[in-house]
Amino acid sequence: SATAMASAWAMASALGLSGALRLSLLPRSMSTPFA
């Protein structure tokens, strides 16, 4: 879980995504209801 969230944040930062997009990407590695 730590690796998934860290990699999502790093990818969003590398792509220069906005804050809202970064936060939308952060929960990508859990099942849809939780995410």
PDB file of all heavy atoms in Angstrom:
ATOM      1  N   SER A   1       0.826  -1.208   0.000  1.00  0.00           N
ATOM      2  CA  SER A   1       0.000   0.000   0.000  1.00  0.00           C
ATOM      3  C   SER A   1       0.858   1.254   0.000  1.00  0.00           C
ATOM      4  O   SER A   1       0.574   2.221  -0.720  1.00  0.00           O
ATOM      5  CB  SER A   1      -0.932   0.001   1.216  1.00  0.00           C
ATOM      6  OG  SER A   1      -1.844  -1.076   1.155  1.00  0.00           O
ATOM      7  N   ALA A   2       1.900   1.247   0.823  1.00  0.00           N
ATOM      8  CA  ALA A   2       2.798   2.401   0.863  1.00  0.00           C
ATOM      9  C   ALA A   2       3.465   2.619  -0.487  1.00  0.00           C
ATOM     10  O   ALA A   2       3.580   3.761  -0.976  1.00  0.00           O
ATOM     11  CB  ALA A   2       3.851   2.203   1.950  1.00  0.00           C
ATOM     12  N   THR A   3       3.888   1.520  -1.125  1.00  0.00           N
ATOM     13  CA  THR A   3       4.527   1.622  -2.440  1.00  0.00           C
ATOM     14  C   THR A   3       3.549   2.143  -3.486  1.00  0.00           C
ATOM     15  O   THR A   3       3.902   2.976  -4.326  1.00  0.00           O
ATOM     16  CB  THR A   3       5.065   0.252  -2.869  1.00  0.00           C
ATOM     17  OG1 THR A   3       5.999  -0.222  -1.901  1.00  0.00           O
ATOM     18  CG2 THR A   3       5.740   0.334  -4.225  1.00  0.00           C
ATOM     19  N   ALA A   4       2.301   1.652  -3.432  1.00  0.00           N
ATOM     20  CA  ALA A   4       1.294   2.071  -4.414  1.00  0.00           C
ATOM     21  C   ALA A   4       0.992   3.559  -4.303  1.00  0.00           C
ATOM     22  O   ALA A   4       0.933   4.279  -5.307  1.00  0.00           O
ATOM     23  CB  ALA A   4       0.015   1.258  -4.218  1.00  0.00           C
ATOM     24  N   MET A   5       0.801   4.049  -3.077  1.00  0.00           N
ATOM     25  CA  MET A   5       0.479   5.463  -2.904  1.00  0.00           C
ATOM     26  C   MET A   5       1.668   6.355  -3.239  1.00  0.00           C
ATOM     27  O   MET A   5       1.514   7.409  -3.863  1.00  0.00           O
ATOM     28  CB  MET A   5      -0.006   5.717  -1.480  1.00  0.00           C
ATOM     29  CG  MET A   5      -1.388   5.171  -1.208  1.00  0.00           C
ATOM     30  SD  MET A   5      -2.077   5.697   0.370  1.00  0.00           S
ATOM     31  CE  MET A   5      -1.062   4.751   1.498  1.00  0.00           C
ATOM     32  N   ALA A   6       2.868   5.917  -2.837  1.00  0.00           N
ATOM     33  CA  ALA A   6       4.060   6.710  -3.139  1.00  0.00           C
ATOM     34  C   ALA A   6       4.309   6.777  -4.639  1.00  0.00           C
ATOM     35  O   ALA A   6       4.652   7.839  -5.183  1.00  0.00           O
ATOM     36  CB  ALA A   6       5.273   6.115  -2.423  1.00  0.00           C
ATOM     37  N   SER A   7       4.133   5.652  -5.326  1.00  0.00           N
ATOM     38  CA  SER A   7       4.357   5.640  -6.777  1.00  0.00           C
ATOM     39  C   SER A   7       3.302   6.466  -7.506  1.00  0.00           C
ATOM     40  O   SER A   7       3.605   7.144  -8.491  1.00  0.00           O
ATOM     41  CB  SER A   7       4.355   4.201  -7.293  1.00  0.00           C
ATOM     42  OG  SER A   7       3.097   3.577  -7.079  1.00  0.00           O
ATOM     43  N   ALA A   8       2.052   6.440  -7.013  1.00  0.00           N
ATOM     44  CA  ALA A   8       1.004   7.253  -7.620  1.00  0.00           C
ATOM     45  C   ALA A   8       1.315   8.729  -7.472  1.00  0.00           C
ATOM     46  O   ALA A   8       1.148   9.520  -8.419  1.00  0.00           O
ATOM     47  CB  ALA A   8      -0.346   6.927  -6.979  1.00  0.00           C
ATOM     48  N   TRP A   9       1.774   9.111  -6.289  1.00  0.00           N
ATOM     49  CA  TRP A   9       2.109  10.517  -6.056  1.00  0.00           C
ATOM     50  C   TRP A   9       3.313  10.941  -6.891  1.00  0.00           C
ATOM     51  O   TRP A   9       3.338  12.034  -7.472  1.00  0.00           O
ATOM     52  CB  TRP A   9       2.389  10.745  -4.576  1.00  0.00           C
ATOM     53  CG  TRP A   9       2.472  12.199  -4.226  1.00  0.00           C
ATOM     54  CD1 TRP A   9       3.589  12.970  -4.114  1.00  0.00           C
ATOM     55  CD2 TRP A   9       1.379  13.060  -3.964  1.00  0.00           C
ATOM     56  NE1 TRP A   9       3.266  14.246  -3.795  1.00  0.00           N
ATOM     57  CE2 TRP A   9       1.911  14.335  -3.682  1.00  0.00           C
ATOM     58  CE3 TRP A   9      -0.007  12.874  -3.921  1.00  0.00           C
ATOM     59  CZ2 TRP A   9       1.107  15.432  -3.373  1.00  0.00           C
ATOM     60  CZ3 TRP A   9      -0.810  13.961  -3.604  1.00  0.00           C
ATOM     61  CH2 TRP A   9      -0.255  15.219  -3.334  1.00  0.00           C
ATOM     62  N   ALA A  10       4.321  10.071  -6.984  1.00  0.00           N
ATOM     63  CA  ALA A  10       5.515  10.380  -7.768  1.00  0.00           C
ATOM     64  C   ALA A  10       5.166  10.510  -9.253  1.00  0.00           C
ATOM     65  O   ALA A  10       5.658  11.418  -9.947  1.00  0.00           O
ATOM     66  CB  ALA A  10       6.574   9.298  -7.568  1.00  0.00           C
ATOM     67  N   MET A  11       4.304   9.619  -9.746  1.00  0.00           N
ATOM     68  CA  MET A  11       3.893   9.686 -11.147  1.00  0.00           C
ATOM     69  C   MET A  11       3.120  10.962 -11.427  1.00  0.00           C
ATOM     70  O   MET A  11       3.332  11.623 -12.447  1.00  0.00           O
ATOM     71  CB  MET A  11       3.046   8.462 -11.499  1.00  0.00           C
ATOM     72  CG  MET A  11       2.568   8.427 -12.934  1.00  0.00           C
ATOM     73  SD  MET A  11       1.787   6.839 -13.380  1.00  0.00           S
ATOM     74  CE  MET A  11       0.461   6.750 -12.181  1.00  0.00           C
ATOM     75  N   ALA A  12       2.206  11.327 -10.504  1.00  0.00           N
ATOM     76  CA  ALA A  12       1.428  12.554 -10.683  1.00  0.00           C
ATOM     77  C   ALA A  12       2.333  13.777 -10.667  1.00  0.00           C
ATOM     78  O   ALA A  12       2.132  14.726 -11.442  1.00  0.00           O
ATOM     79  CB  ALA A  12       0.371  12.651  -9.589  1.00  0.00           C
ATOM     80  N   SER A  13       3.338  13.763  -9.786  1.00  0.00           N
ATOM     81  CA  SER A  13       4.269  14.893  -9.714  1.00  0.00           C
ATOM     82  C   SER A  13       5.113  14.988 -10.980  1.00  0.00           C
ATOM     83  O   SER A  13       5.357  16.085 -11.498  1.00  0.00           O
ATOM     84  CB  SER A  13       5.177  14.740  -8.484  1.00  0.00           C
ATOM     85  OG  SER A  13       4.415  14.721  -7.291  1.00  0.00           O
ATOM     86  N   ALA A  14       5.565  13.834 -11.479  1.00  0.00           N
ATOM     87  CA  ALA A  14       6.390  13.832 -12.686  1.00  0.00           C
ATOM     88  C   ALA A  14       5.617  14.337 -13.898  1.00  0.00           C
ATOM     89  O   ALA A  14       6.181  14.984 -14.784  1.00  0.00           O
ATOM     90  CB  ALA A  14       6.914  12.417 -12.948  1.00  0.00           C
ATOM     91  N   LEU A  15       4.311  14.068 -13.926  1.00  0.00           N
ATOM     92  CA  LEU A  15       3.470  14.513 -15.041  1.00  0.00           C
ATOM     93  C   LEU A  15       2.937  15.929 -14.847  1.00  0.00           C
ATOM     94  O   LEU A  15       2.257  16.460 -15.728  1.00  0.00           O
ATOM     95  CB  LEU A  15       2.299  13.541 -15.232  1.00  0.00           C
ATOM     96  CG  LEU A  15       2.667  12.114 -15.658  1.00  0.00           C
ATOM     97  CD1 LEU A  15       1.423  11.233 -15.680  1.00  0.00           C
ATOM     98  CD2 LEU A  15       3.337  12.121 -17.030  1.00  0.00           C
ATOM     99  N   GLY A  16       3.206  16.515 -13.682  1.00  0.00           N
ATOM    100  CA  GLY A  16       2.750  17.871 -13.420  1.00  0.00           C
ATOM    101  C   GLY A  16       1.247  17.988 -13.266  1.00  0.00           C
ATOM    102  O   GLY A  16       0.663  19.009 -13.647  1.00  0.00           O
ATOM    103  N   LEU A  17       0.608  16.970 -12.717  1.00  0.00           N
ATOM    104  CA  LEU A  17      -0.843  16.995 -12.565  1.00  0.00           C
ATOM    105  C   LEU A  17      -1.252  17.959 -11.462  1.00  0.00           C
ATOM    106  O   LEU A  17      -0.504  18.208 -10.519  1.00  0.00           O
ATOM    107  CB  LEU A  17      -1.366  15.594 -12.241  1.00  0.00           C
ATOM    108  CG  LEU A  17      -1.092  14.499 -13.278  1.00  0.00           C
ATOM    109  CD1 LEU A  17      -1.730  13.196 -12.833  1.00  0.00           C
ATOM    110  CD2 LEU A  17      -1.614  14.906 -14.651  1.00  0.00           C
ATOM    111  N   SER A  18      -2.450  18.495 -11.588  1.00  0.00           N
ATOM    112  CA  SER A  18      -2.962  19.430 -10.592  1.00  0.00           C
ATOM    113  C   SER A  18      -3.275  18.714  -9.284  1.00  0.00           C
ATOM    114  O   SER A  18      -3.302  17.479  -9.223  1.00  0.00           O
ATOM    115  CB  SER A  18      -4.232  20.105 -11.113  1.00  0.00           C
ATOM    116  OG  SER A  18      -5.274  19.147 -11.256  1.00  0.00           O
ATOM    117  N   GLY A  19      -3.528  19.514  -8.240  1.00  0.00           N
ATOM    118  CA  GLY A  19      -3.796  18.940  -6.929  1.00  0.00           C
ATOM    119  C   GLY A  19      -4.970  17.990  -6.913  1.00  0.00           C
ATOM    120  O   GLY A  19      -4.902  16.899  -6.335  1.00  0.00           O
ATOM    121  N   ALA A  20      -6.080  18.372  -7.552  1.00  0.00           N
ATOM    122  CA  ALA A  20      -7.273  17.528  -7.560  1.00  0.00           C
ATOM    123  C   ALA A  20      -7.010  16.213  -8.293  1.00  0.00           C
ATOM    124  O   ALA A  20      -7.475  15.150  -7.865  1.00  0.00           O
ATOM    125  CB  ALA A  20      -8.438  18.270  -8.211  1.00  0.00           C
ATOM    126  N   LEU A  21      -6.250  16.269  -9.382  1.00  0.00           N
ATOM    127  CA  LEU A  21      -5.934  15.050 -10.122  1.00  0.00           C
ATOM    128  C   LEU A  21      -5.018  14.141  -9.309  1.00  0.00           C
ATOM    129  O   LEU A  21      -5.158  12.920  -9.325  1.00  0.00           O
ATOM    130  CB  LEU A  21      -5.280  15.394 -11.462  1.00  0.00           C
ATOM    131  CG  LEU A  21      -6.208  15.890 -12.565  1.00  0.00           C
ATOM    132  CD1 LEU A  21      -5.409  16.302 -13.791  1.00  0.00           C
ATOM    133  CD2 LEU A  21      -7.215  14.818 -12.932  1.00  0.00           C
ATOM    134  N   ARG A  22      -4.083  14.751  -8.588  1.00  0.00           N
ATOM    135  CA  ARG A  22      -3.189  13.956  -7.755  1.00  0.00           C
ATOM    136  C   ARG A  22      -3.982  13.211  -6.678  1.00  0.00           C
ATOM    137  O   ARG A  22      -3.755  12.030  -6.424  1.00  0.00           O
ATOM    138  CB  ARG A  22      -2.151  14.852  -7.079  1.00  0.00           C
ATOM    139  CG  ARG A  22      -1.154  15.482  -8.011  1.00  0.00           C
ATOM    140  CD  ARG A  22      -0.078  16.179  -7.219  1.00  0.00           C
ATOM    141  NE  ARG A  22       0.758  17.008  -8.077  1.00  0.00           N
ATOM    142  CZ  ARG A  22       1.911  17.548  -7.689  1.00  0.00           C
ATOM    143  NH1 ARG A  22       2.357  17.323  -6.464  1.00  0.00           N
ATOM    144  NH2 ARG A  22       2.617  18.298  -8.496  1.00  0.00           N
ATOM    145  N   LEU A  23      -4.896  13.923  -6.057  1.00  0.00           N
ATOM    146  CA  LEU A  23      -5.691  13.308  -5.000  1.00  0.00           C
ATOM    147  C   LEU A  23      -6.643  12.257  -5.556  1.00  0.00           C
ATOM    148  O   LEU A  23      -7.006  11.310  -4.859  1.00  0.00           O
ATOM    149  CB  LEU A  23      -6.465  14.385  -4.241  1.00  0.00           C
ATOM    150  CG  LEU A  23      -5.588  15.362  -3.449  1.00  0.00           C
ATOM    151  CD1 LEU A  23      -6.439  16.478  -2.857  1.00  0.00           C
ATOM    152  CD2 LEU A  23      -4.820  14.644  -2.346  1.00  0.00           C
ATOM    153  N   SER A  24      -7.062  12.406  -6.799  1.00  0.00           N
ATOM    154  CA  SER A  24      -7.909  11.402  -7.441  1.00  0.00           C
ATOM    155  C   SER A  24      -7.115  10.149  -7.770  1.00  0.00           C
ATOM    156  O   SER A  24      -7.651   9.037  -7.762  1.00  0.00           O
ATOM    157  CB  SER A  24      -8.530  11.970  -8.729  1.00  0.00           C
ATOM    158  OG  SER A  24      -9.330  13.102  -8.460  1.00  0.00           O
ATOM    159  N   LEU A  25      -5.825  10.335  -8.061  1.00  0.00           N
ATOM    160  CA  LEU A  25      -4.964   9.207  -8.416  1.00  0.00           C
ATOM    161  C   LEU A  25      -4.481   8.441  -7.189  1.00  0.00           C
ATOM    162  O   LEU A  25      -4.218   7.236  -7.257  1.00  0.00           O
ATOM    163  CB  LEU A  25      -3.758   9.719  -9.208  1.00  0.00           C
ATOM    164  CG  LEU A  25      -2.782   8.699  -9.793  1.00  0.00           C
ATOM    165  CD1 LEU A  25      -3.491   7.801 -10.802  1.00  0.00           C
ATOM    166  CD2 LEU A  25      -1.604   9.400 -10.439  1.00  0.00           C
ATOM    167  N   LEU A  26      -4.408   9.112  -6.057  1.00  0.00           N
ATOM    168  CA  LEU A  26      -3.823   8.532  -4.855  1.00  0.00           C
ATOM    169  C   LEU A  26      -4.482   7.215  -4.427  1.00  0.00           C
ATOM    170  O   LEU A  26      -3.785   6.254  -4.091  1.00  0.00           O
ATOM    171  CB  LEU A  26      -3.894   9.548  -3.715  1.00  0.00           C
ATOM    172  CG  LEU A  26      -3.024   9.271  -2.490  1.00  0.00           C
ATOM    173  CD1 LEU A  26      -1.543   9.265  -2.862  1.00  0.00           C
ATOM    174  CD2 LEU A  26      -3.284  10.315  -1.413  1.00  0.00           C
ATOM    175  N   PRO A  27      -5.828   7.089  -4.432  1.00  0.00           N
ATOM    176  CA  PRO A  27      -6.447   5.834  -3.967  1.00  0.00           C
ATOM    177  C   PRO A  27      -6.618   4.779  -5.054  1.00  0.00           C
ATOM    178  O   PRO A  27      -7.465   3.897  -4.922  1.00  0.00           O
ATOM    179  CB  PRO A  27      -7.827   6.282  -3.459  1.00  0.00           C
ATOM    180  CG  PRO A  27      -7.925   7.749  -3.722  1.00  0.00           C
ATOM    181  CD  PRO A  27      -6.853   8.098  -4.666  1.00  0.00           C
ATOM    182  N   ARG A  28      -5.826   4.821  -6.113  1.00  0.00           N
ATOM    183  CA  ARG A  28      -6.050   3.958  -7.277  1.00  0.00           C
ATOM    184  C   ARG A  28      -5.848   2.478  -6.968  1.00  0.00           C
ATOM    185  O   ARG A  28      -6.366   1.624  -7.692  1.00  0.00           O
ATOM    186  CB  ARG A  28      -5.099   4.358  -8.408  1.00  0.00           C
ATOM    187  CG  ARG A  28      -3.649   4.083  -8.078  1.00  0.00           C
ATOM    188  CD  ARG A  28      -2.677   4.501  -9.169  1.00  0.00           C
ATOM    189  NE  ARG A  28      -1.302   4.326  -8.756  1.00  0.00           N
ATOM    190  CZ  ARG A  28      -0.638   3.188  -8.844  1.00  0.00           C
ATOM    191  NH1 ARG A  28      -1.231   2.113  -9.337  1.00  0.00           N
ATOM    192  NH2 ARG A  28       0.612   3.097  -8.441  1.00  0.00           N
ATOM    193  N   SER A  29      -5.089   2.162  -5.920  1.00  0.00           N
ATOM    194  CA  SER A  29      -4.744   0.768  -5.664  1.00  0.00           C
ATOM    195  C   SER A  29      -5.601   0.116  -4.593  1.00  0.00           C
ATOM    196  O   SER A  29      -5.113  -0.688  -3.802  1.00  0.00           O
ATOM    197  CB  SER A  29      -3.257   0.662  -5.292  1.00  0.00           C
ATOM    198  OG  SER A  29      -2.447   0.945  -6.408  1.00  0.00           O
ATOM    199  N   MET A  30      -6.870   0.471  -4.554  1.00  0.00           N
ATOM    200  CA  MET A  30      -7.823  -0.217  -3.687  1.00  0.00           C
ATOM    201  C   MET A  30      -9.091  -0.460  -4.480  1.00  0.00           C
ATOM    202  O   MET A  30      -9.261   0.111  -5.560  1.00  0.00           O
ATOM    203  CB  MET A  30      -8.102   0.597  -2.421  1.00  0.00           C
ATOM    204  CG  MET A  30      -8.734   1.952  -2.640  1.00  0.00           C
ATOM    205  SD  MET A  30      -8.961   2.887  -1.095  1.00  0.00           S
ATOM    206  CE  MET A  30      -7.379   3.686  -0.961  1.00  0.00           C
ATOM    207  N   SER A  31      -9.969  -1.304  -3.983  1.00  0.00           N
ATOM    208  CA  SER A  31     -11.197  -1.614  -4.711  1.00  0.00           C
ATOM    209  C   SER A  31     -12.073  -0.363  -4.811  1.00  0.00           C
ATOM    210  O   SER A  31     -11.992   0.553  -3.993  1.00  0.00           O
ATOM    211  CB  SER A  31     -11.949  -2.756  -4.034  1.00  0.00           C
ATOM    212  OG  SER A  31     -12.280  -2.414  -2.706  1.00  0.00           O
ATOM    213  N   THR A  32     -12.914  -0.338  -5.830  1.00  0.00           N
ATOM    214  CA  THR A  32     -13.666   0.864  -6.189  1.00  0.00           C
ATOM    215  C   THR A  32     -14.480   1.474  -5.051  1.00  0.00           C
ATOM    216  O   THR A  32     -14.446   2.693  -4.868  1.00  0.00           O
ATOM    217  CB  THR A  32     -14.584   0.567  -7.393  1.00  0.00           C
ATOM    218  OG1 THR A  32     -13.793   0.047  -8.462  1.00  0.00           O
ATOM    219  CG2 THR A  32     -15.278   1.832  -7.873  1.00  0.00           C
ATOM    220  N   PRO A  33     -15.242   0.705  -4.264  1.00  0.00           N
ATOM    221  CA  PRO A  33     -16.025   1.343  -3.191  1.00  0.00           C
ATOM    222  C   PRO A  33     -15.157   2.111  -2.202  1.00  0.00           C
ATOM    223  O   PRO A  33     -15.486   3.231  -1.818  1.00  0.00           O
ATOM    224  CB  PRO A  33     -16.727   0.163  -2.506  1.00  0.00           C
ATOM    225  CG  PRO A  33     -16.724  -0.934  -3.513  1.00  0.00           C
ATOM    226  CD  PRO A  33     -15.474  -0.748  -4.300  1.00  0.00           C
ATOM    227  N   PHE A  34     -14.030   1.515  -1.794  1.00  0.00           N
ATOM    228  CA  PHE A  34     -13.110   2.195  -0.894  1.00  0.00           C
ATOM    229  C   PHE A  34     -12.508   3.418  -1.577  1.00  0.00           C
ATOM    230  O   PHE A  34     -12.414   4.495  -0.984  1.00  0.00           O
ATOM    231  CB  PHE A  34     -11.974   1.253  -0.464  1.00  0.00           C
ATOM    232  CG  PHE A  34     -12.407   0.116   0.407  1.00  0.00           C
ATOM    233  CD1 PHE A  34     -12.292  -1.199  -0.027  1.00  0.00           C
ATOM    234  CD2 PHE A  34     -12.908   0.349   1.672  1.00  0.00           C
ATOM    235  CE1 PHE A  34     -12.668  -2.249   0.779  1.00  0.00           C
ATOM    236  CE2 PHE A  34     -13.296  -0.710   2.493  1.00  0.00           C
ATOM    237  CZ  PHE A  34     -13.179  -2.009   2.043  1.00  0.00           C
ATOM    238  N   ALA A  35     -12.072   3.237  -2.815  1.00  0.00           N
ATOM    239  CA  ALA A  35     -11.358   4.298  -3.522  1.00  0.00           C
ATOM    240  C   ALA A  35     -12.235   5.528  -3.745  1.00  0.00           C
ATOM    241  O   ALA A  35     -11.786   6.665  -3.551  1.00  0.00           O
ATOM    242  CB  ALA A  35     -10.848   3.768  -4.863  1.00  0.00           C
TER     243      ALA A  35
END
